[in-house]
Amino acid sequence: MWKAPFEEFLENTRACWDFALKGAWDQHRRHPDLTRRHCLEERSFFWEIIRSREVPIFEKCGQLAEQVADVSEMEQLYPEVLARAKERYAKLGEEKTEFEEGRSLRGTQHPTQKAWCYMHMRNAKQPDSFLQHPAHVADDLRFIMDQAEKEHGCTELYTASWLNSYPGFQRFFPEAWRSNIKPVPPDDLGPTTGWQGQFYNRRGMLNTATAARFLETGCLPFLRVETHCPFALVRQHLQTLGL
């Protein structure tokens, strides 16, 4: 896995922390019924820095968010936030993943719709975007569909992600994929790359453009939506694309 130079990592951690705090405070301002702690832990980029509820700094930040009079007082915890980020940086590439080596897609059986293959995504082409490699995407799609069909008898592909709202991803799927799009529940913003993934750029750094749009509007630039369609239509569409 590609790893950013250390100085760039430090700058990016700082930017992510600033975005997490601004995002949490802005969400609380727009949704006063939600606590600042909830907005920090569930509706900001904070999770992407910490990635664990079991480390002390996660709890400390949540508690302090409820106590401080001004967001600037959160700075007292930044050294511990940075230490956690450095710990993760040192282990980058060692973390276990369920994705097969070199693949950007993997499939699991949908928990309730047993005939559906639930598609999960990552960027295995860093520092490029996996979407810039059409043959790679097509090969991964065929791989997970073939696997799900063989192992679980699945017949339809499904996912819930911000990528379903992104034209660069939509182009790999037939019209049925787009016509079946529907929003997930409005409060379904928990810590998941299903919506936070849009705040990463192709290099795995903070996407400052989408971050700025979120802070300006309070709304996600790309909505997390779900959709599905038959394997046969996906395969046919890939053939039509020459992939």
C-alpha atoms as a PDB file:
ATOM      1  CA  MET A   1       0.000   0.000   0.000  1.00  0.00           C
ATOM      2  CA  TRP A   2       1.225   3.498  -0.890  1.00  0.00           C
ATOM      3  CA  LYS A   3       2.361   5.569   2.088  1.00  0.00           C
ATOM      4  CA  ALA A   4       2.579   9.361   2.141  1.00  0.00           C
ATOM      5  CA  PRO A   5       5.905  10.979   3.129  1.00  0.00           C
ATOM      6  CA  PHE A   6       6.010  11.679   6.853  1.00  0.00           C
ATOM      7  CA  GLU A   7       5.952  15.487   6.556  1.00  0.00           C
ATOM      8  CA  GLU A   8       2.948  15.311   4.261  1.00  0.00           C
ATOM      9  CA  PHE A   9       1.269  12.934   6.693  1.00  0.00           C
ATOM     10  CA  LEU A  10       1.783  15.455   9.522  1.00  0.00           C
ATOM     11  CA  GLU A  11       0.321  18.304   7.472  1.00  0.00           C
ATOM     12  CA  ASN A  12      -2.616  16.152   6.458  1.00  0.00           C
ATOM     13  CA  THR A  13      -3.350  15.081  10.050  1.00  0.00           C
ATOM     14  CA  ARG A  14      -3.464  18.733  11.053  1.00  0.00           C
ATOM     15  CA  ALA A  15      -5.852  19.509   8.182  1.00  0.00           C
ATOM     16  CA  CYS A  16      -8.068  16.529   9.049  1.00  0.00           C
ATOM     17  CA  TRP A  17      -8.266  17.590  12.702  1.00  0.00           C
ATOM     18  CA  ASP A  18      -9.251  21.142  11.724  1.00  0.00           C
ATOM     19  CA  PHE A  19     -11.878  19.782   9.329  1.00  0.00           C
ATOM     20  CA  ALA A  20     -13.239  17.395  11.973  1.00  0.00           C
ATOM     21  CA  LEU A  21     -13.687  20.170  14.526  1.00  0.00           C
ATOM     22  CA  LYS A  22     -15.136  22.697  12.075  1.00  0.00           C
ATOM     23  CA  GLY A  23     -17.468  20.042  10.712  1.00  0.00           C
ATOM     24  CA  ALA A  24     -18.674  18.943  14.148  1.00  0.00           C
ATOM     25  CA  TRP A  25     -19.316  22.466  15.381  1.00  0.00           C
ATOM     26  CA  ASP A  26     -21.048  23.401  12.140  1.00  0.00           C
ATOM     27  CA  GLN A  27     -23.266  20.311  12.255  1.00  0.00           C
ATOM     28  CA  HIS A  28     -24.209  21.099  15.864  1.00  0.00           C
ATOM     29  CA  ARG A  29     -25.076  24.685  14.833  1.00  0.00           C
ATOM     30  CA  ARG A  30     -27.261  23.415  12.002  1.00  0.00           C
ATOM     31  CA  HIS A  31     -28.751  20.584  14.084  1.00  0.00           C
ATOM     32  CA  PRO A  32     -28.954  21.883  17.687  1.00  0.00           C
ATOM     33  CA  ASP A  33     -30.890  18.783  18.713  1.00  0.00           C
ATOM     34  CA  LEU A  34     -27.674  16.805  18.214  1.00  0.00           C
ATOM     35  CA  THR A  35     -24.936  17.120  20.839  1.00  0.00           C
ATOM     36  CA  ARG A  36     -21.477  18.348  19.888  1.00  0.00           C
ATOM     37  CA  ARG A  37     -20.133  14.996  20.984  1.00  0.00           C
ATOM     38  CA  HIS A  38     -22.465  13.156  18.623  1.00  0.00           C
ATOM     39  CA  CYS A  39     -21.570  15.486  15.775  1.00  0.00           C
ATOM     40  CA  LEU A  40     -17.855  14.986  16.409  1.00  0.00           C
ATOM     41  CA  GLU A  41     -18.024  11.197  16.692  1.00  0.00           C
ATOM     42  CA  GLU A  42     -20.699  10.461  14.082  1.00  0.00           C
ATOM     43  CA  ARG A  43     -20.928  13.384  11.645  1.00  0.00           C
ATOM     44  CA  SER A  44     -17.348  14.592  11.223  1.00  0.00           C
ATOM     45  CA  PHE A  45     -13.984  13.385   9.920  1.00  0.00           C
ATOM     46  CA  PHE A  46     -12.816  12.636  13.468  1.00  0.00           C
ATOM     47  CA  TRP A  47     -13.336   8.878  13.083  1.00  0.00           C
ATOM     48  CA  GLU A  48     -11.030   8.792  10.071  1.00  0.00           C
ATOM     49  CA  ILE A  49      -8.154  10.052  12.252  1.00  0.00           C
ATOM     50  CA  ILE A  50      -8.733   7.832  15.297  1.00  0.00           C
ATOM     51  CA  ARG A  51     -10.396   4.692  13.838  1.00  0.00           C
ATOM     52  CA  SER A  52     -11.162   3.150  17.223  1.00  0.00           C
ATOM     53  CA  ARG A  53     -13.580   3.733  20.068  1.00  0.00           C
ATOM     54  CA  GLU A  54     -11.331   1.738  22.362  1.00  0.00           C
ATOM     55  CA  VAL A  55      -8.431   4.194  22.622  1.00  0.00           C
ATOM     56  CA  PRO A  56      -8.546   6.795  25.462  1.00  0.00           C
ATOM     57  CA  ILE A  57      -8.300   9.800  23.139  1.00  0.00           C
ATOM     58  CA  PHE A  58     -11.615   8.927  21.485  1.00  0.00           C
ATOM     59  CA  GLU A  59     -13.467   9.189  24.791  1.00  0.00           C
ATOM     60  CA  LYS A  60     -11.506  12.280  25.887  1.00  0.00           C
ATOM     61  CA  CYS A  61     -12.376  14.200  22.739  1.00  0.00           C
ATOM     62  CA  GLY A  62     -16.057  13.335  23.029  1.00  0.00           C
ATOM     63  CA  GLN A  63     -16.208  14.439  26.653  1.00  0.00           C
ATOM     64  CA  LEU A  64     -14.294  17.676  26.079  1.00  0.00           C
ATOM     65  CA  ALA A  65     -16.498  18.612  23.114  1.00  0.00           C
ATOM     66  CA  GLU A  66     -19.427  18.796  25.550  1.00  0.00           C
ATOM     67  CA  GLN A  67     -17.540  20.860  28.121  1.00  0.00           C
ATOM     68  CA  VAL A  68     -15.657  23.588  26.258  1.00  0.00           C
ATOM     69  CA  ALA A  69     -16.983  27.091  25.685  1.00  0.00           C
ATOM     70  CA  ASP A  70     -15.056  27.528  22.432  1.00  0.00           C
ATOM     71  CA  VAL A  71     -13.796  25.078  19.831  1.00  0.00           C
ATOM     72  CA  SER A  72     -10.250  26.417  20.238  1.00  0.00           C
ATOM     73  CA  GLU A  73     -10.111  24.715  23.650  1.00  0.00           C
ATOM     74  CA  MET A  74     -10.084  21.352  21.871  1.00  0.00           C
ATOM     75  CA  GLU A  75      -6.473  22.082  20.892  1.00  0.00           C
ATOM     76  CA  GLN A  76      -5.251  20.836  24.261  1.00  0.00           C
ATOM     77  CA  LEU A  77      -5.965  17.289  23.048  1.00  0.00           C
ATOM     78  CA  TYR A  78      -4.271  17.595  19.665  1.00  0.00           C
ATOM     79  CA  PRO A  79      -0.936  16.128  20.853  1.00  0.00           C
ATOM     80  CA  GLU A  80      -2.758  12.939  21.838  1.00  0.00           C
ATOM     81  CA  VAL A  81      -4.732  12.929  18.577  1.00  0.00           C
ATOM     82  CA  LEU A  82      -1.468  13.274  16.651  1.00  0.00           C
ATOM     83  CA  ALA A  83       0.138  10.484  18.679  1.00  0.00           C
ATOM     84  CA  ARG A  84      -2.737   8.178  17.734  1.00  0.00           C
ATOM     85  CA  ALA A  85      -2.380   9.170  14.082  1.00  0.00           C
ATOM     86  CA  LYS A  86       1.376   8.502  14.182  1.00  0.00           C
ATOM     87  CA  GLU A  87       0.704   5.082  15.679  1.00  0.00           C
ATOM     88  CA  ARG A  88      -1.592   4.256  12.769  1.00  0.00           C
ATOM     89  CA  TYR A  89       0.916   5.666  10.260  1.00  0.00           C
ATOM     90  CA  ALA A  90       3.667   3.399  11.607  1.00  0.00           C
ATOM     91  CA  LYS A  91       1.446   0.354  11.081  1.00  0.00           C
ATOM     92  CA  LEU A  92       0.151   1.387   7.657  1.00  0.00           C
ATOM     93  CA  GLY A  93       0.290  -1.610   5.371  1.00  0.00           C
ATOM     94  CA  GLU A  94       0.317  -4.068   8.296  1.00  0.00           C
ATOM     95  CA  GLU A  95      -3.383  -3.749   9.088  1.00  0.00           C
ATOM     96  CA  LYS A  96      -5.417  -6.797   8.152  1.00  0.00           C
ATOM     97  CA  THR A  97      -7.890  -6.364   5.340  1.00  0.00           C
ATOM     98  CA  GLU A  98     -10.522  -8.639   3.857  1.00  0.00           C
ATOM     99  CA  PHE A  99      -9.718  -7.350   0.375  1.00  0.00           C
ATOM    100  CA  GLU A 100      -7.632  -9.632  -1.814  1.00  0.00           C
ATOM    101  CA  GLU A 101      -4.188  -8.298  -2.690  1.00  0.00           C
ATOM    102  CA  GLY A 102      -4.389  -5.654  -5.413  1.00  0.00           C
ATOM    103  CA  ARG A 103      -8.174  -5.538  -5.577  1.00  0.00           C
ATOM    104  CA  SER A 104     -10.295  -2.434  -5.014  1.00  0.00           C
ATOM    105  CA  LEU A 105     -13.590  -4.328  -4.696  1.00  0.00           C
ATOM    106  CA  ARG A 106     -14.796  -7.202  -2.548  1.00  0.00           C
ATOM    107  CA  GLY A 107     -18.191  -8.767  -2.111  1.00  0.00           C
ATOM    108  CA  THR A 108     -20.153 -10.174   0.797  1.00  0.00           C
ATOM    109  CA  GLN A 109     -23.638 -11.628   0.908  1.00  0.00           C
ATOM    110  CA  HIS A 110     -26.231  -9.016   1.842  1.00  0.00           C
ATOM    111  CA  PRO A 111     -27.438  -9.643   5.433  1.00  0.00           C
ATOM    112  CA  THR A 112     -31.137  -9.717   4.516  1.00  0.00           C
ATOM    113  CA  GLN A 113     -31.363  -9.908   0.718  1.00  0.00           C
ATOM    114  CA  LYS A 114     -29.549 -13.209   0.320  1.00  0.00           C
ATOM    115  CA  ALA A 115     -29.513 -13.063  -3.492  1.00  0.00           C
ATOM    116  CA  TRP A 116     -27.608  -9.772  -3.399  1.00  0.00           C
ATOM    117  CA  CYS A 117     -23.833  -9.376  -3.363  1.00  0.00           C
ATOM    118  CA  TYR A 118     -22.921  -6.389  -1.175  1.00  0.00           C
ATOM    119  CA  MET A 119     -20.009  -4.595  -2.850  1.00  0.00           C
ATOM    120  CA  HIS A 120     -17.345  -2.890  -0.708  1.00  0.00           C
ATOM    121  CA  MET A 121     -14.766  -0.498  -2.154  1.00  0.00           C
ATOM    122  CA  ARG A 122     -11.277   0.772  -1.416  1.00  0.00           C
ATOM    123  CA  ASN A 123      -8.592   2.436  -3.543  1.00  0.00           C
ATOM    124  CA  ALA A 124      -5.974  -0.213  -4.263  1.00  0.00           C
ATOM    125  CA  LYS A 125      -4.316   2.015  -6.893  1.00  0.00           C
ATOM    126  CA  GLN A 126      -2.980   4.782  -4.635  1.00  0.00           C
ATOM    127  CA  PRO A 127      -1.543   7.266  -5.395  1.00  0.00           C
ATOM    128  CA  ASP A 128      -3.787   6.975  -8.480  1.00  0.00           C
ATOM    129  CA  SER A 129      -7.543   6.570  -8.301  1.00  0.00           C
ATOM    130  CA  PHE A 130      -8.784   3.064  -9.022  1.00  0.00           C
ATOM    131  CA  LEU A 131     -11.476   4.702 -11.163  1.00  0.00           C
ATOM    132  CA  GLN A 132      -8.751   5.838 -13.558  1.00  0.00           C
ATOM    133  CA  HIS A 133      -8.083   2.173 -14.369  1.00  0.00           C
ATOM    134  CA  PRO A 134     -11.217   0.929 -16.181  1.00  0.00           C
ATOM    135  CA  ALA A 135      -9.851  -2.554 -16.902  1.00  0.00           C
ATOM    136  CA  HIS A 136      -9.018  -2.953 -13.203  1.00  0.00           C
ATOM    137  CA  VAL A 137     -12.563  -1.961 -12.182  1.00  0.00           C
ATOM    138  CA  ALA A 138     -14.128  -4.300 -14.753  1.00  0.00           C
ATOM    139  CA  ASP A 139     -11.929  -7.218 -13.690  1.00  0.00           C
ATOM    140  CA  ASP A 140     -12.766  -6.642 -10.006  1.00  0.00           C
ATOM    141  CA  LEU A 141     -16.491  -6.427 -10.779  1.00  0.00           C
ATOM    142  CA  ARG A 142     -16.438  -9.706 -12.664  1.00  0.00           C
ATOM    143  CA  PHE A 143     -14.372 -11.325  -9.919  1.00  0.00           C
ATOM    144  CA  ILE A 144     -16.751 -10.460  -7.072  1.00  0.00           C
ATOM    145  CA  MET A 145     -19.853 -11.321  -9.101  1.00  0.00           C
ATOM    146  CA  ASP A 146     -18.431 -14.686 -10.169  1.00  0.00           C
ATOM    147  CA  GLN A 147     -17.356 -15.425  -6.596  1.00  0.00           C
ATOM    148  CA  ALA A 148     -20.699 -14.437  -5.047  1.00  0.00           C
ATOM    149  CA  GLU A 149     -22.596 -16.398  -7.690  1.00  0.00           C
ATOM    150  CA  LYS A 150     -20.527 -19.524  -7.093  1.00  0.00           C
ATOM    151  CA  GLU A 151     -20.357 -19.386  -3.287  1.00  0.00           C
ATOM    152  CA  HIS A 152     -23.748 -17.925  -2.350  1.00  0.00           C
ATOM    153  CA  GLY A 153     -25.960 -18.155  -5.428  1.00  0.00           C
ATOM    154  CA  CYS A 154     -26.185 -14.366  -5.648  1.00  0.00           C
ATOM    155  CA  THR A 155     -27.723 -12.811  -8.752  1.00  0.00           C
ATOM    156  CA  GLU A 156     -27.722  -9.057  -8.016  1.00  0.00           C
ATOM    157  CA  LEU A 157     -25.041  -6.506  -7.174  1.00  0.00           C
ATOM    158  CA  TYR A 158     -25.736  -3.969  -4.400  1.00  0.00           C
ATOM    159  CA  THR A 159     -23.937  -1.232  -2.536  1.00  0.00           C
ATOM    160  CA  ALA A 160     -24.645   1.844  -0.399  1.00  0.00           C
ATOM    161  CA  SER A 161     -22.062   4.558  -0.968  1.00  0.00           C
ATOM    162  CA  TRP A 162     -21.402   8.156  -1.933  1.00  0.00           C
ATOM    163  CA  LEU A 163     -19.782   6.704  -5.065  1.00  0.00           C
ATOM    164  CA  ASN A 164     -23.251   5.867  -6.383  1.00  0.00           C
ATOM    165  CA  SER A 165     -23.736   9.658  -6.734  1.00  0.00           C
ATOM    166  CA  TYR A 166     -20.415  10.145  -8.526  1.00  0.00           C
ATOM    167  CA  PRO A 167     -20.476  10.049 -12.363  1.00  0.00           C
ATOM    168  CA  GLY A 168     -16.958   8.609 -12.574  1.00  0.00           C
ATOM    169  CA  PHE A 169     -18.232   5.519 -10.745  1.00  0.00           C
ATOM    170  CA  GLN A 170     -21.696   5.375 -12.293  1.00  0.00           C
ATOM    171  CA  ARG A 171     -20.234   4.940 -15.787  1.00  0.00           C
ATOM    172  CA  PHE A 172     -19.286   1.337 -15.010  1.00  0.00           C
ATOM    173  CA  PHE A 173     -22.930   0.374 -14.448  1.00  0.00           C
ATOM    174  CA  PRO A 174     -26.055   0.061 -16.615  1.00  0.00           C
ATOM    175  CA  GLU A 175     -29.076   2.340 -16.592  1.00  0.00           C
ATOM    176  CA  ALA A 176     -30.830   0.001 -14.132  1.00  0.00           C
ATOM    177  CA  TRP A 177     -28.135   0.813 -11.558  1.00  0.00           C
ATOM    178  CA  ARG A 178     -28.936   4.519 -11.785  1.00  0.00           C
ATOM    179  CA  SER A 179     -32.714   4.116 -11.984  1.00  0.00           C
ATOM    180  CA  ASN A 180     -32.748   1.956  -8.833  1.00  0.00           C
ATOM    181  CA  ILE A 181     -30.926   4.564  -6.733  1.00  0.00           C
ATOM    182  CA  LYS A 182     -32.662   5.542  -3.511  1.00  0.00           C
ATOM    183  CA  PRO A 183     -31.430   7.448  -0.452  1.00  0.00           C
ATOM    184  CA  VAL A 184     -30.391   5.723   2.730  1.00  0.00           C
ATOM    185  CA  PRO A 185     -32.102   6.896   5.967  1.00  0.00           C
ATOM    186  CA  PRO A 186     -31.218  10.592   6.516  1.00  0.00           C
ATOM    187  CA  ASP A 187     -29.570   9.934   9.873  1.00  0.00           C
ATOM    188  CA  ASP A 188     -27.412   7.099   8.531  1.00  0.00           C
ATOM    189  CA  LEU A 189     -24.171   9.081   8.797  1.00  0.00           C
ATOM    190  CA  GLY A 190     -22.236   6.864  11.182  1.00  0.00           C
ATOM    191  CA  PRO A 191     -18.440   6.541  10.872  1.00  0.00           C
ATOM    192  CA  THR A 192     -18.120   4.800   7.533  1.00  0.00           C
ATOM    193  CA  THR A 193     -16.309   5.535   4.293  1.00  0.00           C
ATOM    194  CA  GLY A 194     -19.713   4.992   2.669  1.00  0.00           C
ATOM    195  CA  TRP A 195     -20.082   8.750   3.076  1.00  0.00           C
ATOM    196  CA  GLN A 196     -16.741   9.951   4.464  1.00  0.00           C
ATOM    197  CA  GLY A 197     -14.836   8.459   1.533  1.00  0.00           C
ATOM    198  CA  GLN A 198     -15.643  11.534  -0.561  1.00  0.00           C
ATOM    199  CA  PHE A 199     -13.371  13.570   1.705  1.00  0.00           C
ATOM    200  CA  TYR A 200     -10.303  11.608   0.564  1.00  0.00           C
ATOM    201  CA  ASN A 201      -8.461  12.394  -2.639  1.00  0.00           C
ATOM    202  CA  ARG A 202      -6.834   9.727  -4.815  1.00  0.00           C
ATOM    203  CA  ARG A 203      -3.650   9.873  -2.698  1.00  0.00           C
ATOM    204  CA  GLY A 204      -5.538   9.199   0.528  1.00  0.00           C
ATOM    205  CA  MET A 205      -5.151  12.781   1.734  1.00  0.00           C
ATOM    206  CA  LEU A 206      -7.942  15.188   2.700  1.00  0.00           C
ATOM    207  CA  ASN A 207      -9.934  16.338  -0.317  1.00  0.00           C
ATOM    208  CA  THR A 208      -9.994  20.044   0.498  1.00  0.00           C
ATOM    209  CA  ALA A 209     -12.533  20.873  -2.230  1.00  0.00           C
ATOM    210  CA  THR A 210     -15.263  18.539  -0.969  1.00  0.00           C
ATOM    211  CA  ALA A 211     -14.417  19.438   2.633  1.00  0.00           C
ATOM    212  CA  ALA A 212     -14.919  23.136   1.867  1.00  0.00           C
ATOM    213  CA  ARG A 213     -18.262  22.433   0.161  1.00  0.00           C
ATOM    214  CA  PHE A 214     -19.463  20.458   3.182  1.00  0.00           C
ATOM    215  CA  LEU A 215     -18.566  23.275   5.569  1.00  0.00           C
ATOM    216  CA  GLU A 216     -20.173  25.872   3.318  1.00  0.00           C
ATOM    217  CA  THR A 217     -23.475  24.079   2.811  1.00  0.00           C
ATOM    218  CA  GLY A 218     -23.719  21.613   5.691  1.00  0.00           C
ATOM    219  CA  CYS A 219     -24.702  18.978   3.121  1.00  0.00           C
ATOM    220  CA  LEU A 220     -22.689  16.169   1.585  1.00  0.00           C
ATOM    221  CA  PRO A 221     -21.386  17.049  -1.897  1.00  0.00           C
ATOM    222  CA  PHE A 222     -22.196  13.462  -2.928  1.00  0.00           C
ATOM    223  CA  LEU A 223     -25.111  11.806  -1.165  1.00  0.00           C
ATOM    224  CA  ARG A 224     -24.686   8.324   0.197  1.00  0.00           C
ATOM    225  CA  VAL A 225     -27.324   6.338  -1.665  1.00  0.00           C
ATOM    226  CA  GLU A 226     -28.003   2.667  -2.263  1.00  0.00           C
ATOM    227  CA  THR A 227     -28.773   0.792  -5.453  1.00  0.00           C
ATOM    228  CA  HIS A 228     -28.705  -2.622  -7.078  1.00  0.00           C
ATOM    229  CA  CYS A 229     -29.142  -4.407 -10.392  1.00  0.00           C
ATOM    230  CA  PRO A 230     -28.741  -7.918 -11.851  1.00  0.00           C
ATOM    231  CA  PHE A 231     -25.280  -9.335 -12.509  1.00  0.00           C
ATOM    232  CA  ALA A 232     -26.311 -10.024 -16.110  1.00  0.00           C
ATOM    233  CA  LEU A 233     -26.896  -6.324 -16.798  1.00  0.00           C
ATOM    234  CA  VAL A 234     -23.556  -5.332 -15.259  1.00  0.00           C
ATOM    235  CA  ARG A 235     -21.715  -7.914 -17.360  1.00  0.00           C
ATOM    236  CA  GLN A 236     -23.528  -6.815 -20.492  1.00  0.00           C
ATOM    237  CA  HIS A 237     -22.724  -3.152 -19.797  1.00  0.00           C
ATOM    238  CA  LEU A 238     -19.034  -3.877 -19.294  1.00  0.00           C
ATOM    239  CA  GLN A 239     -18.978  -5.650 -22.655  1.00  0.00           C
ATOM    240  CA  THR A 240     -20.658  -2.631 -24.252  1.00  0.00           C
ATOM    241  CA  LEU A 241     -17.905  -0.429 -22.798  1.00  0.00           C
ATOM    242  CA  GLY A 242     -15.313  -2.717 -24.363  1.00  0.00           C
ATOM    243  CA  LEU A 243     -14.121  -3.887 -20.967  1.00  0.00           C
END
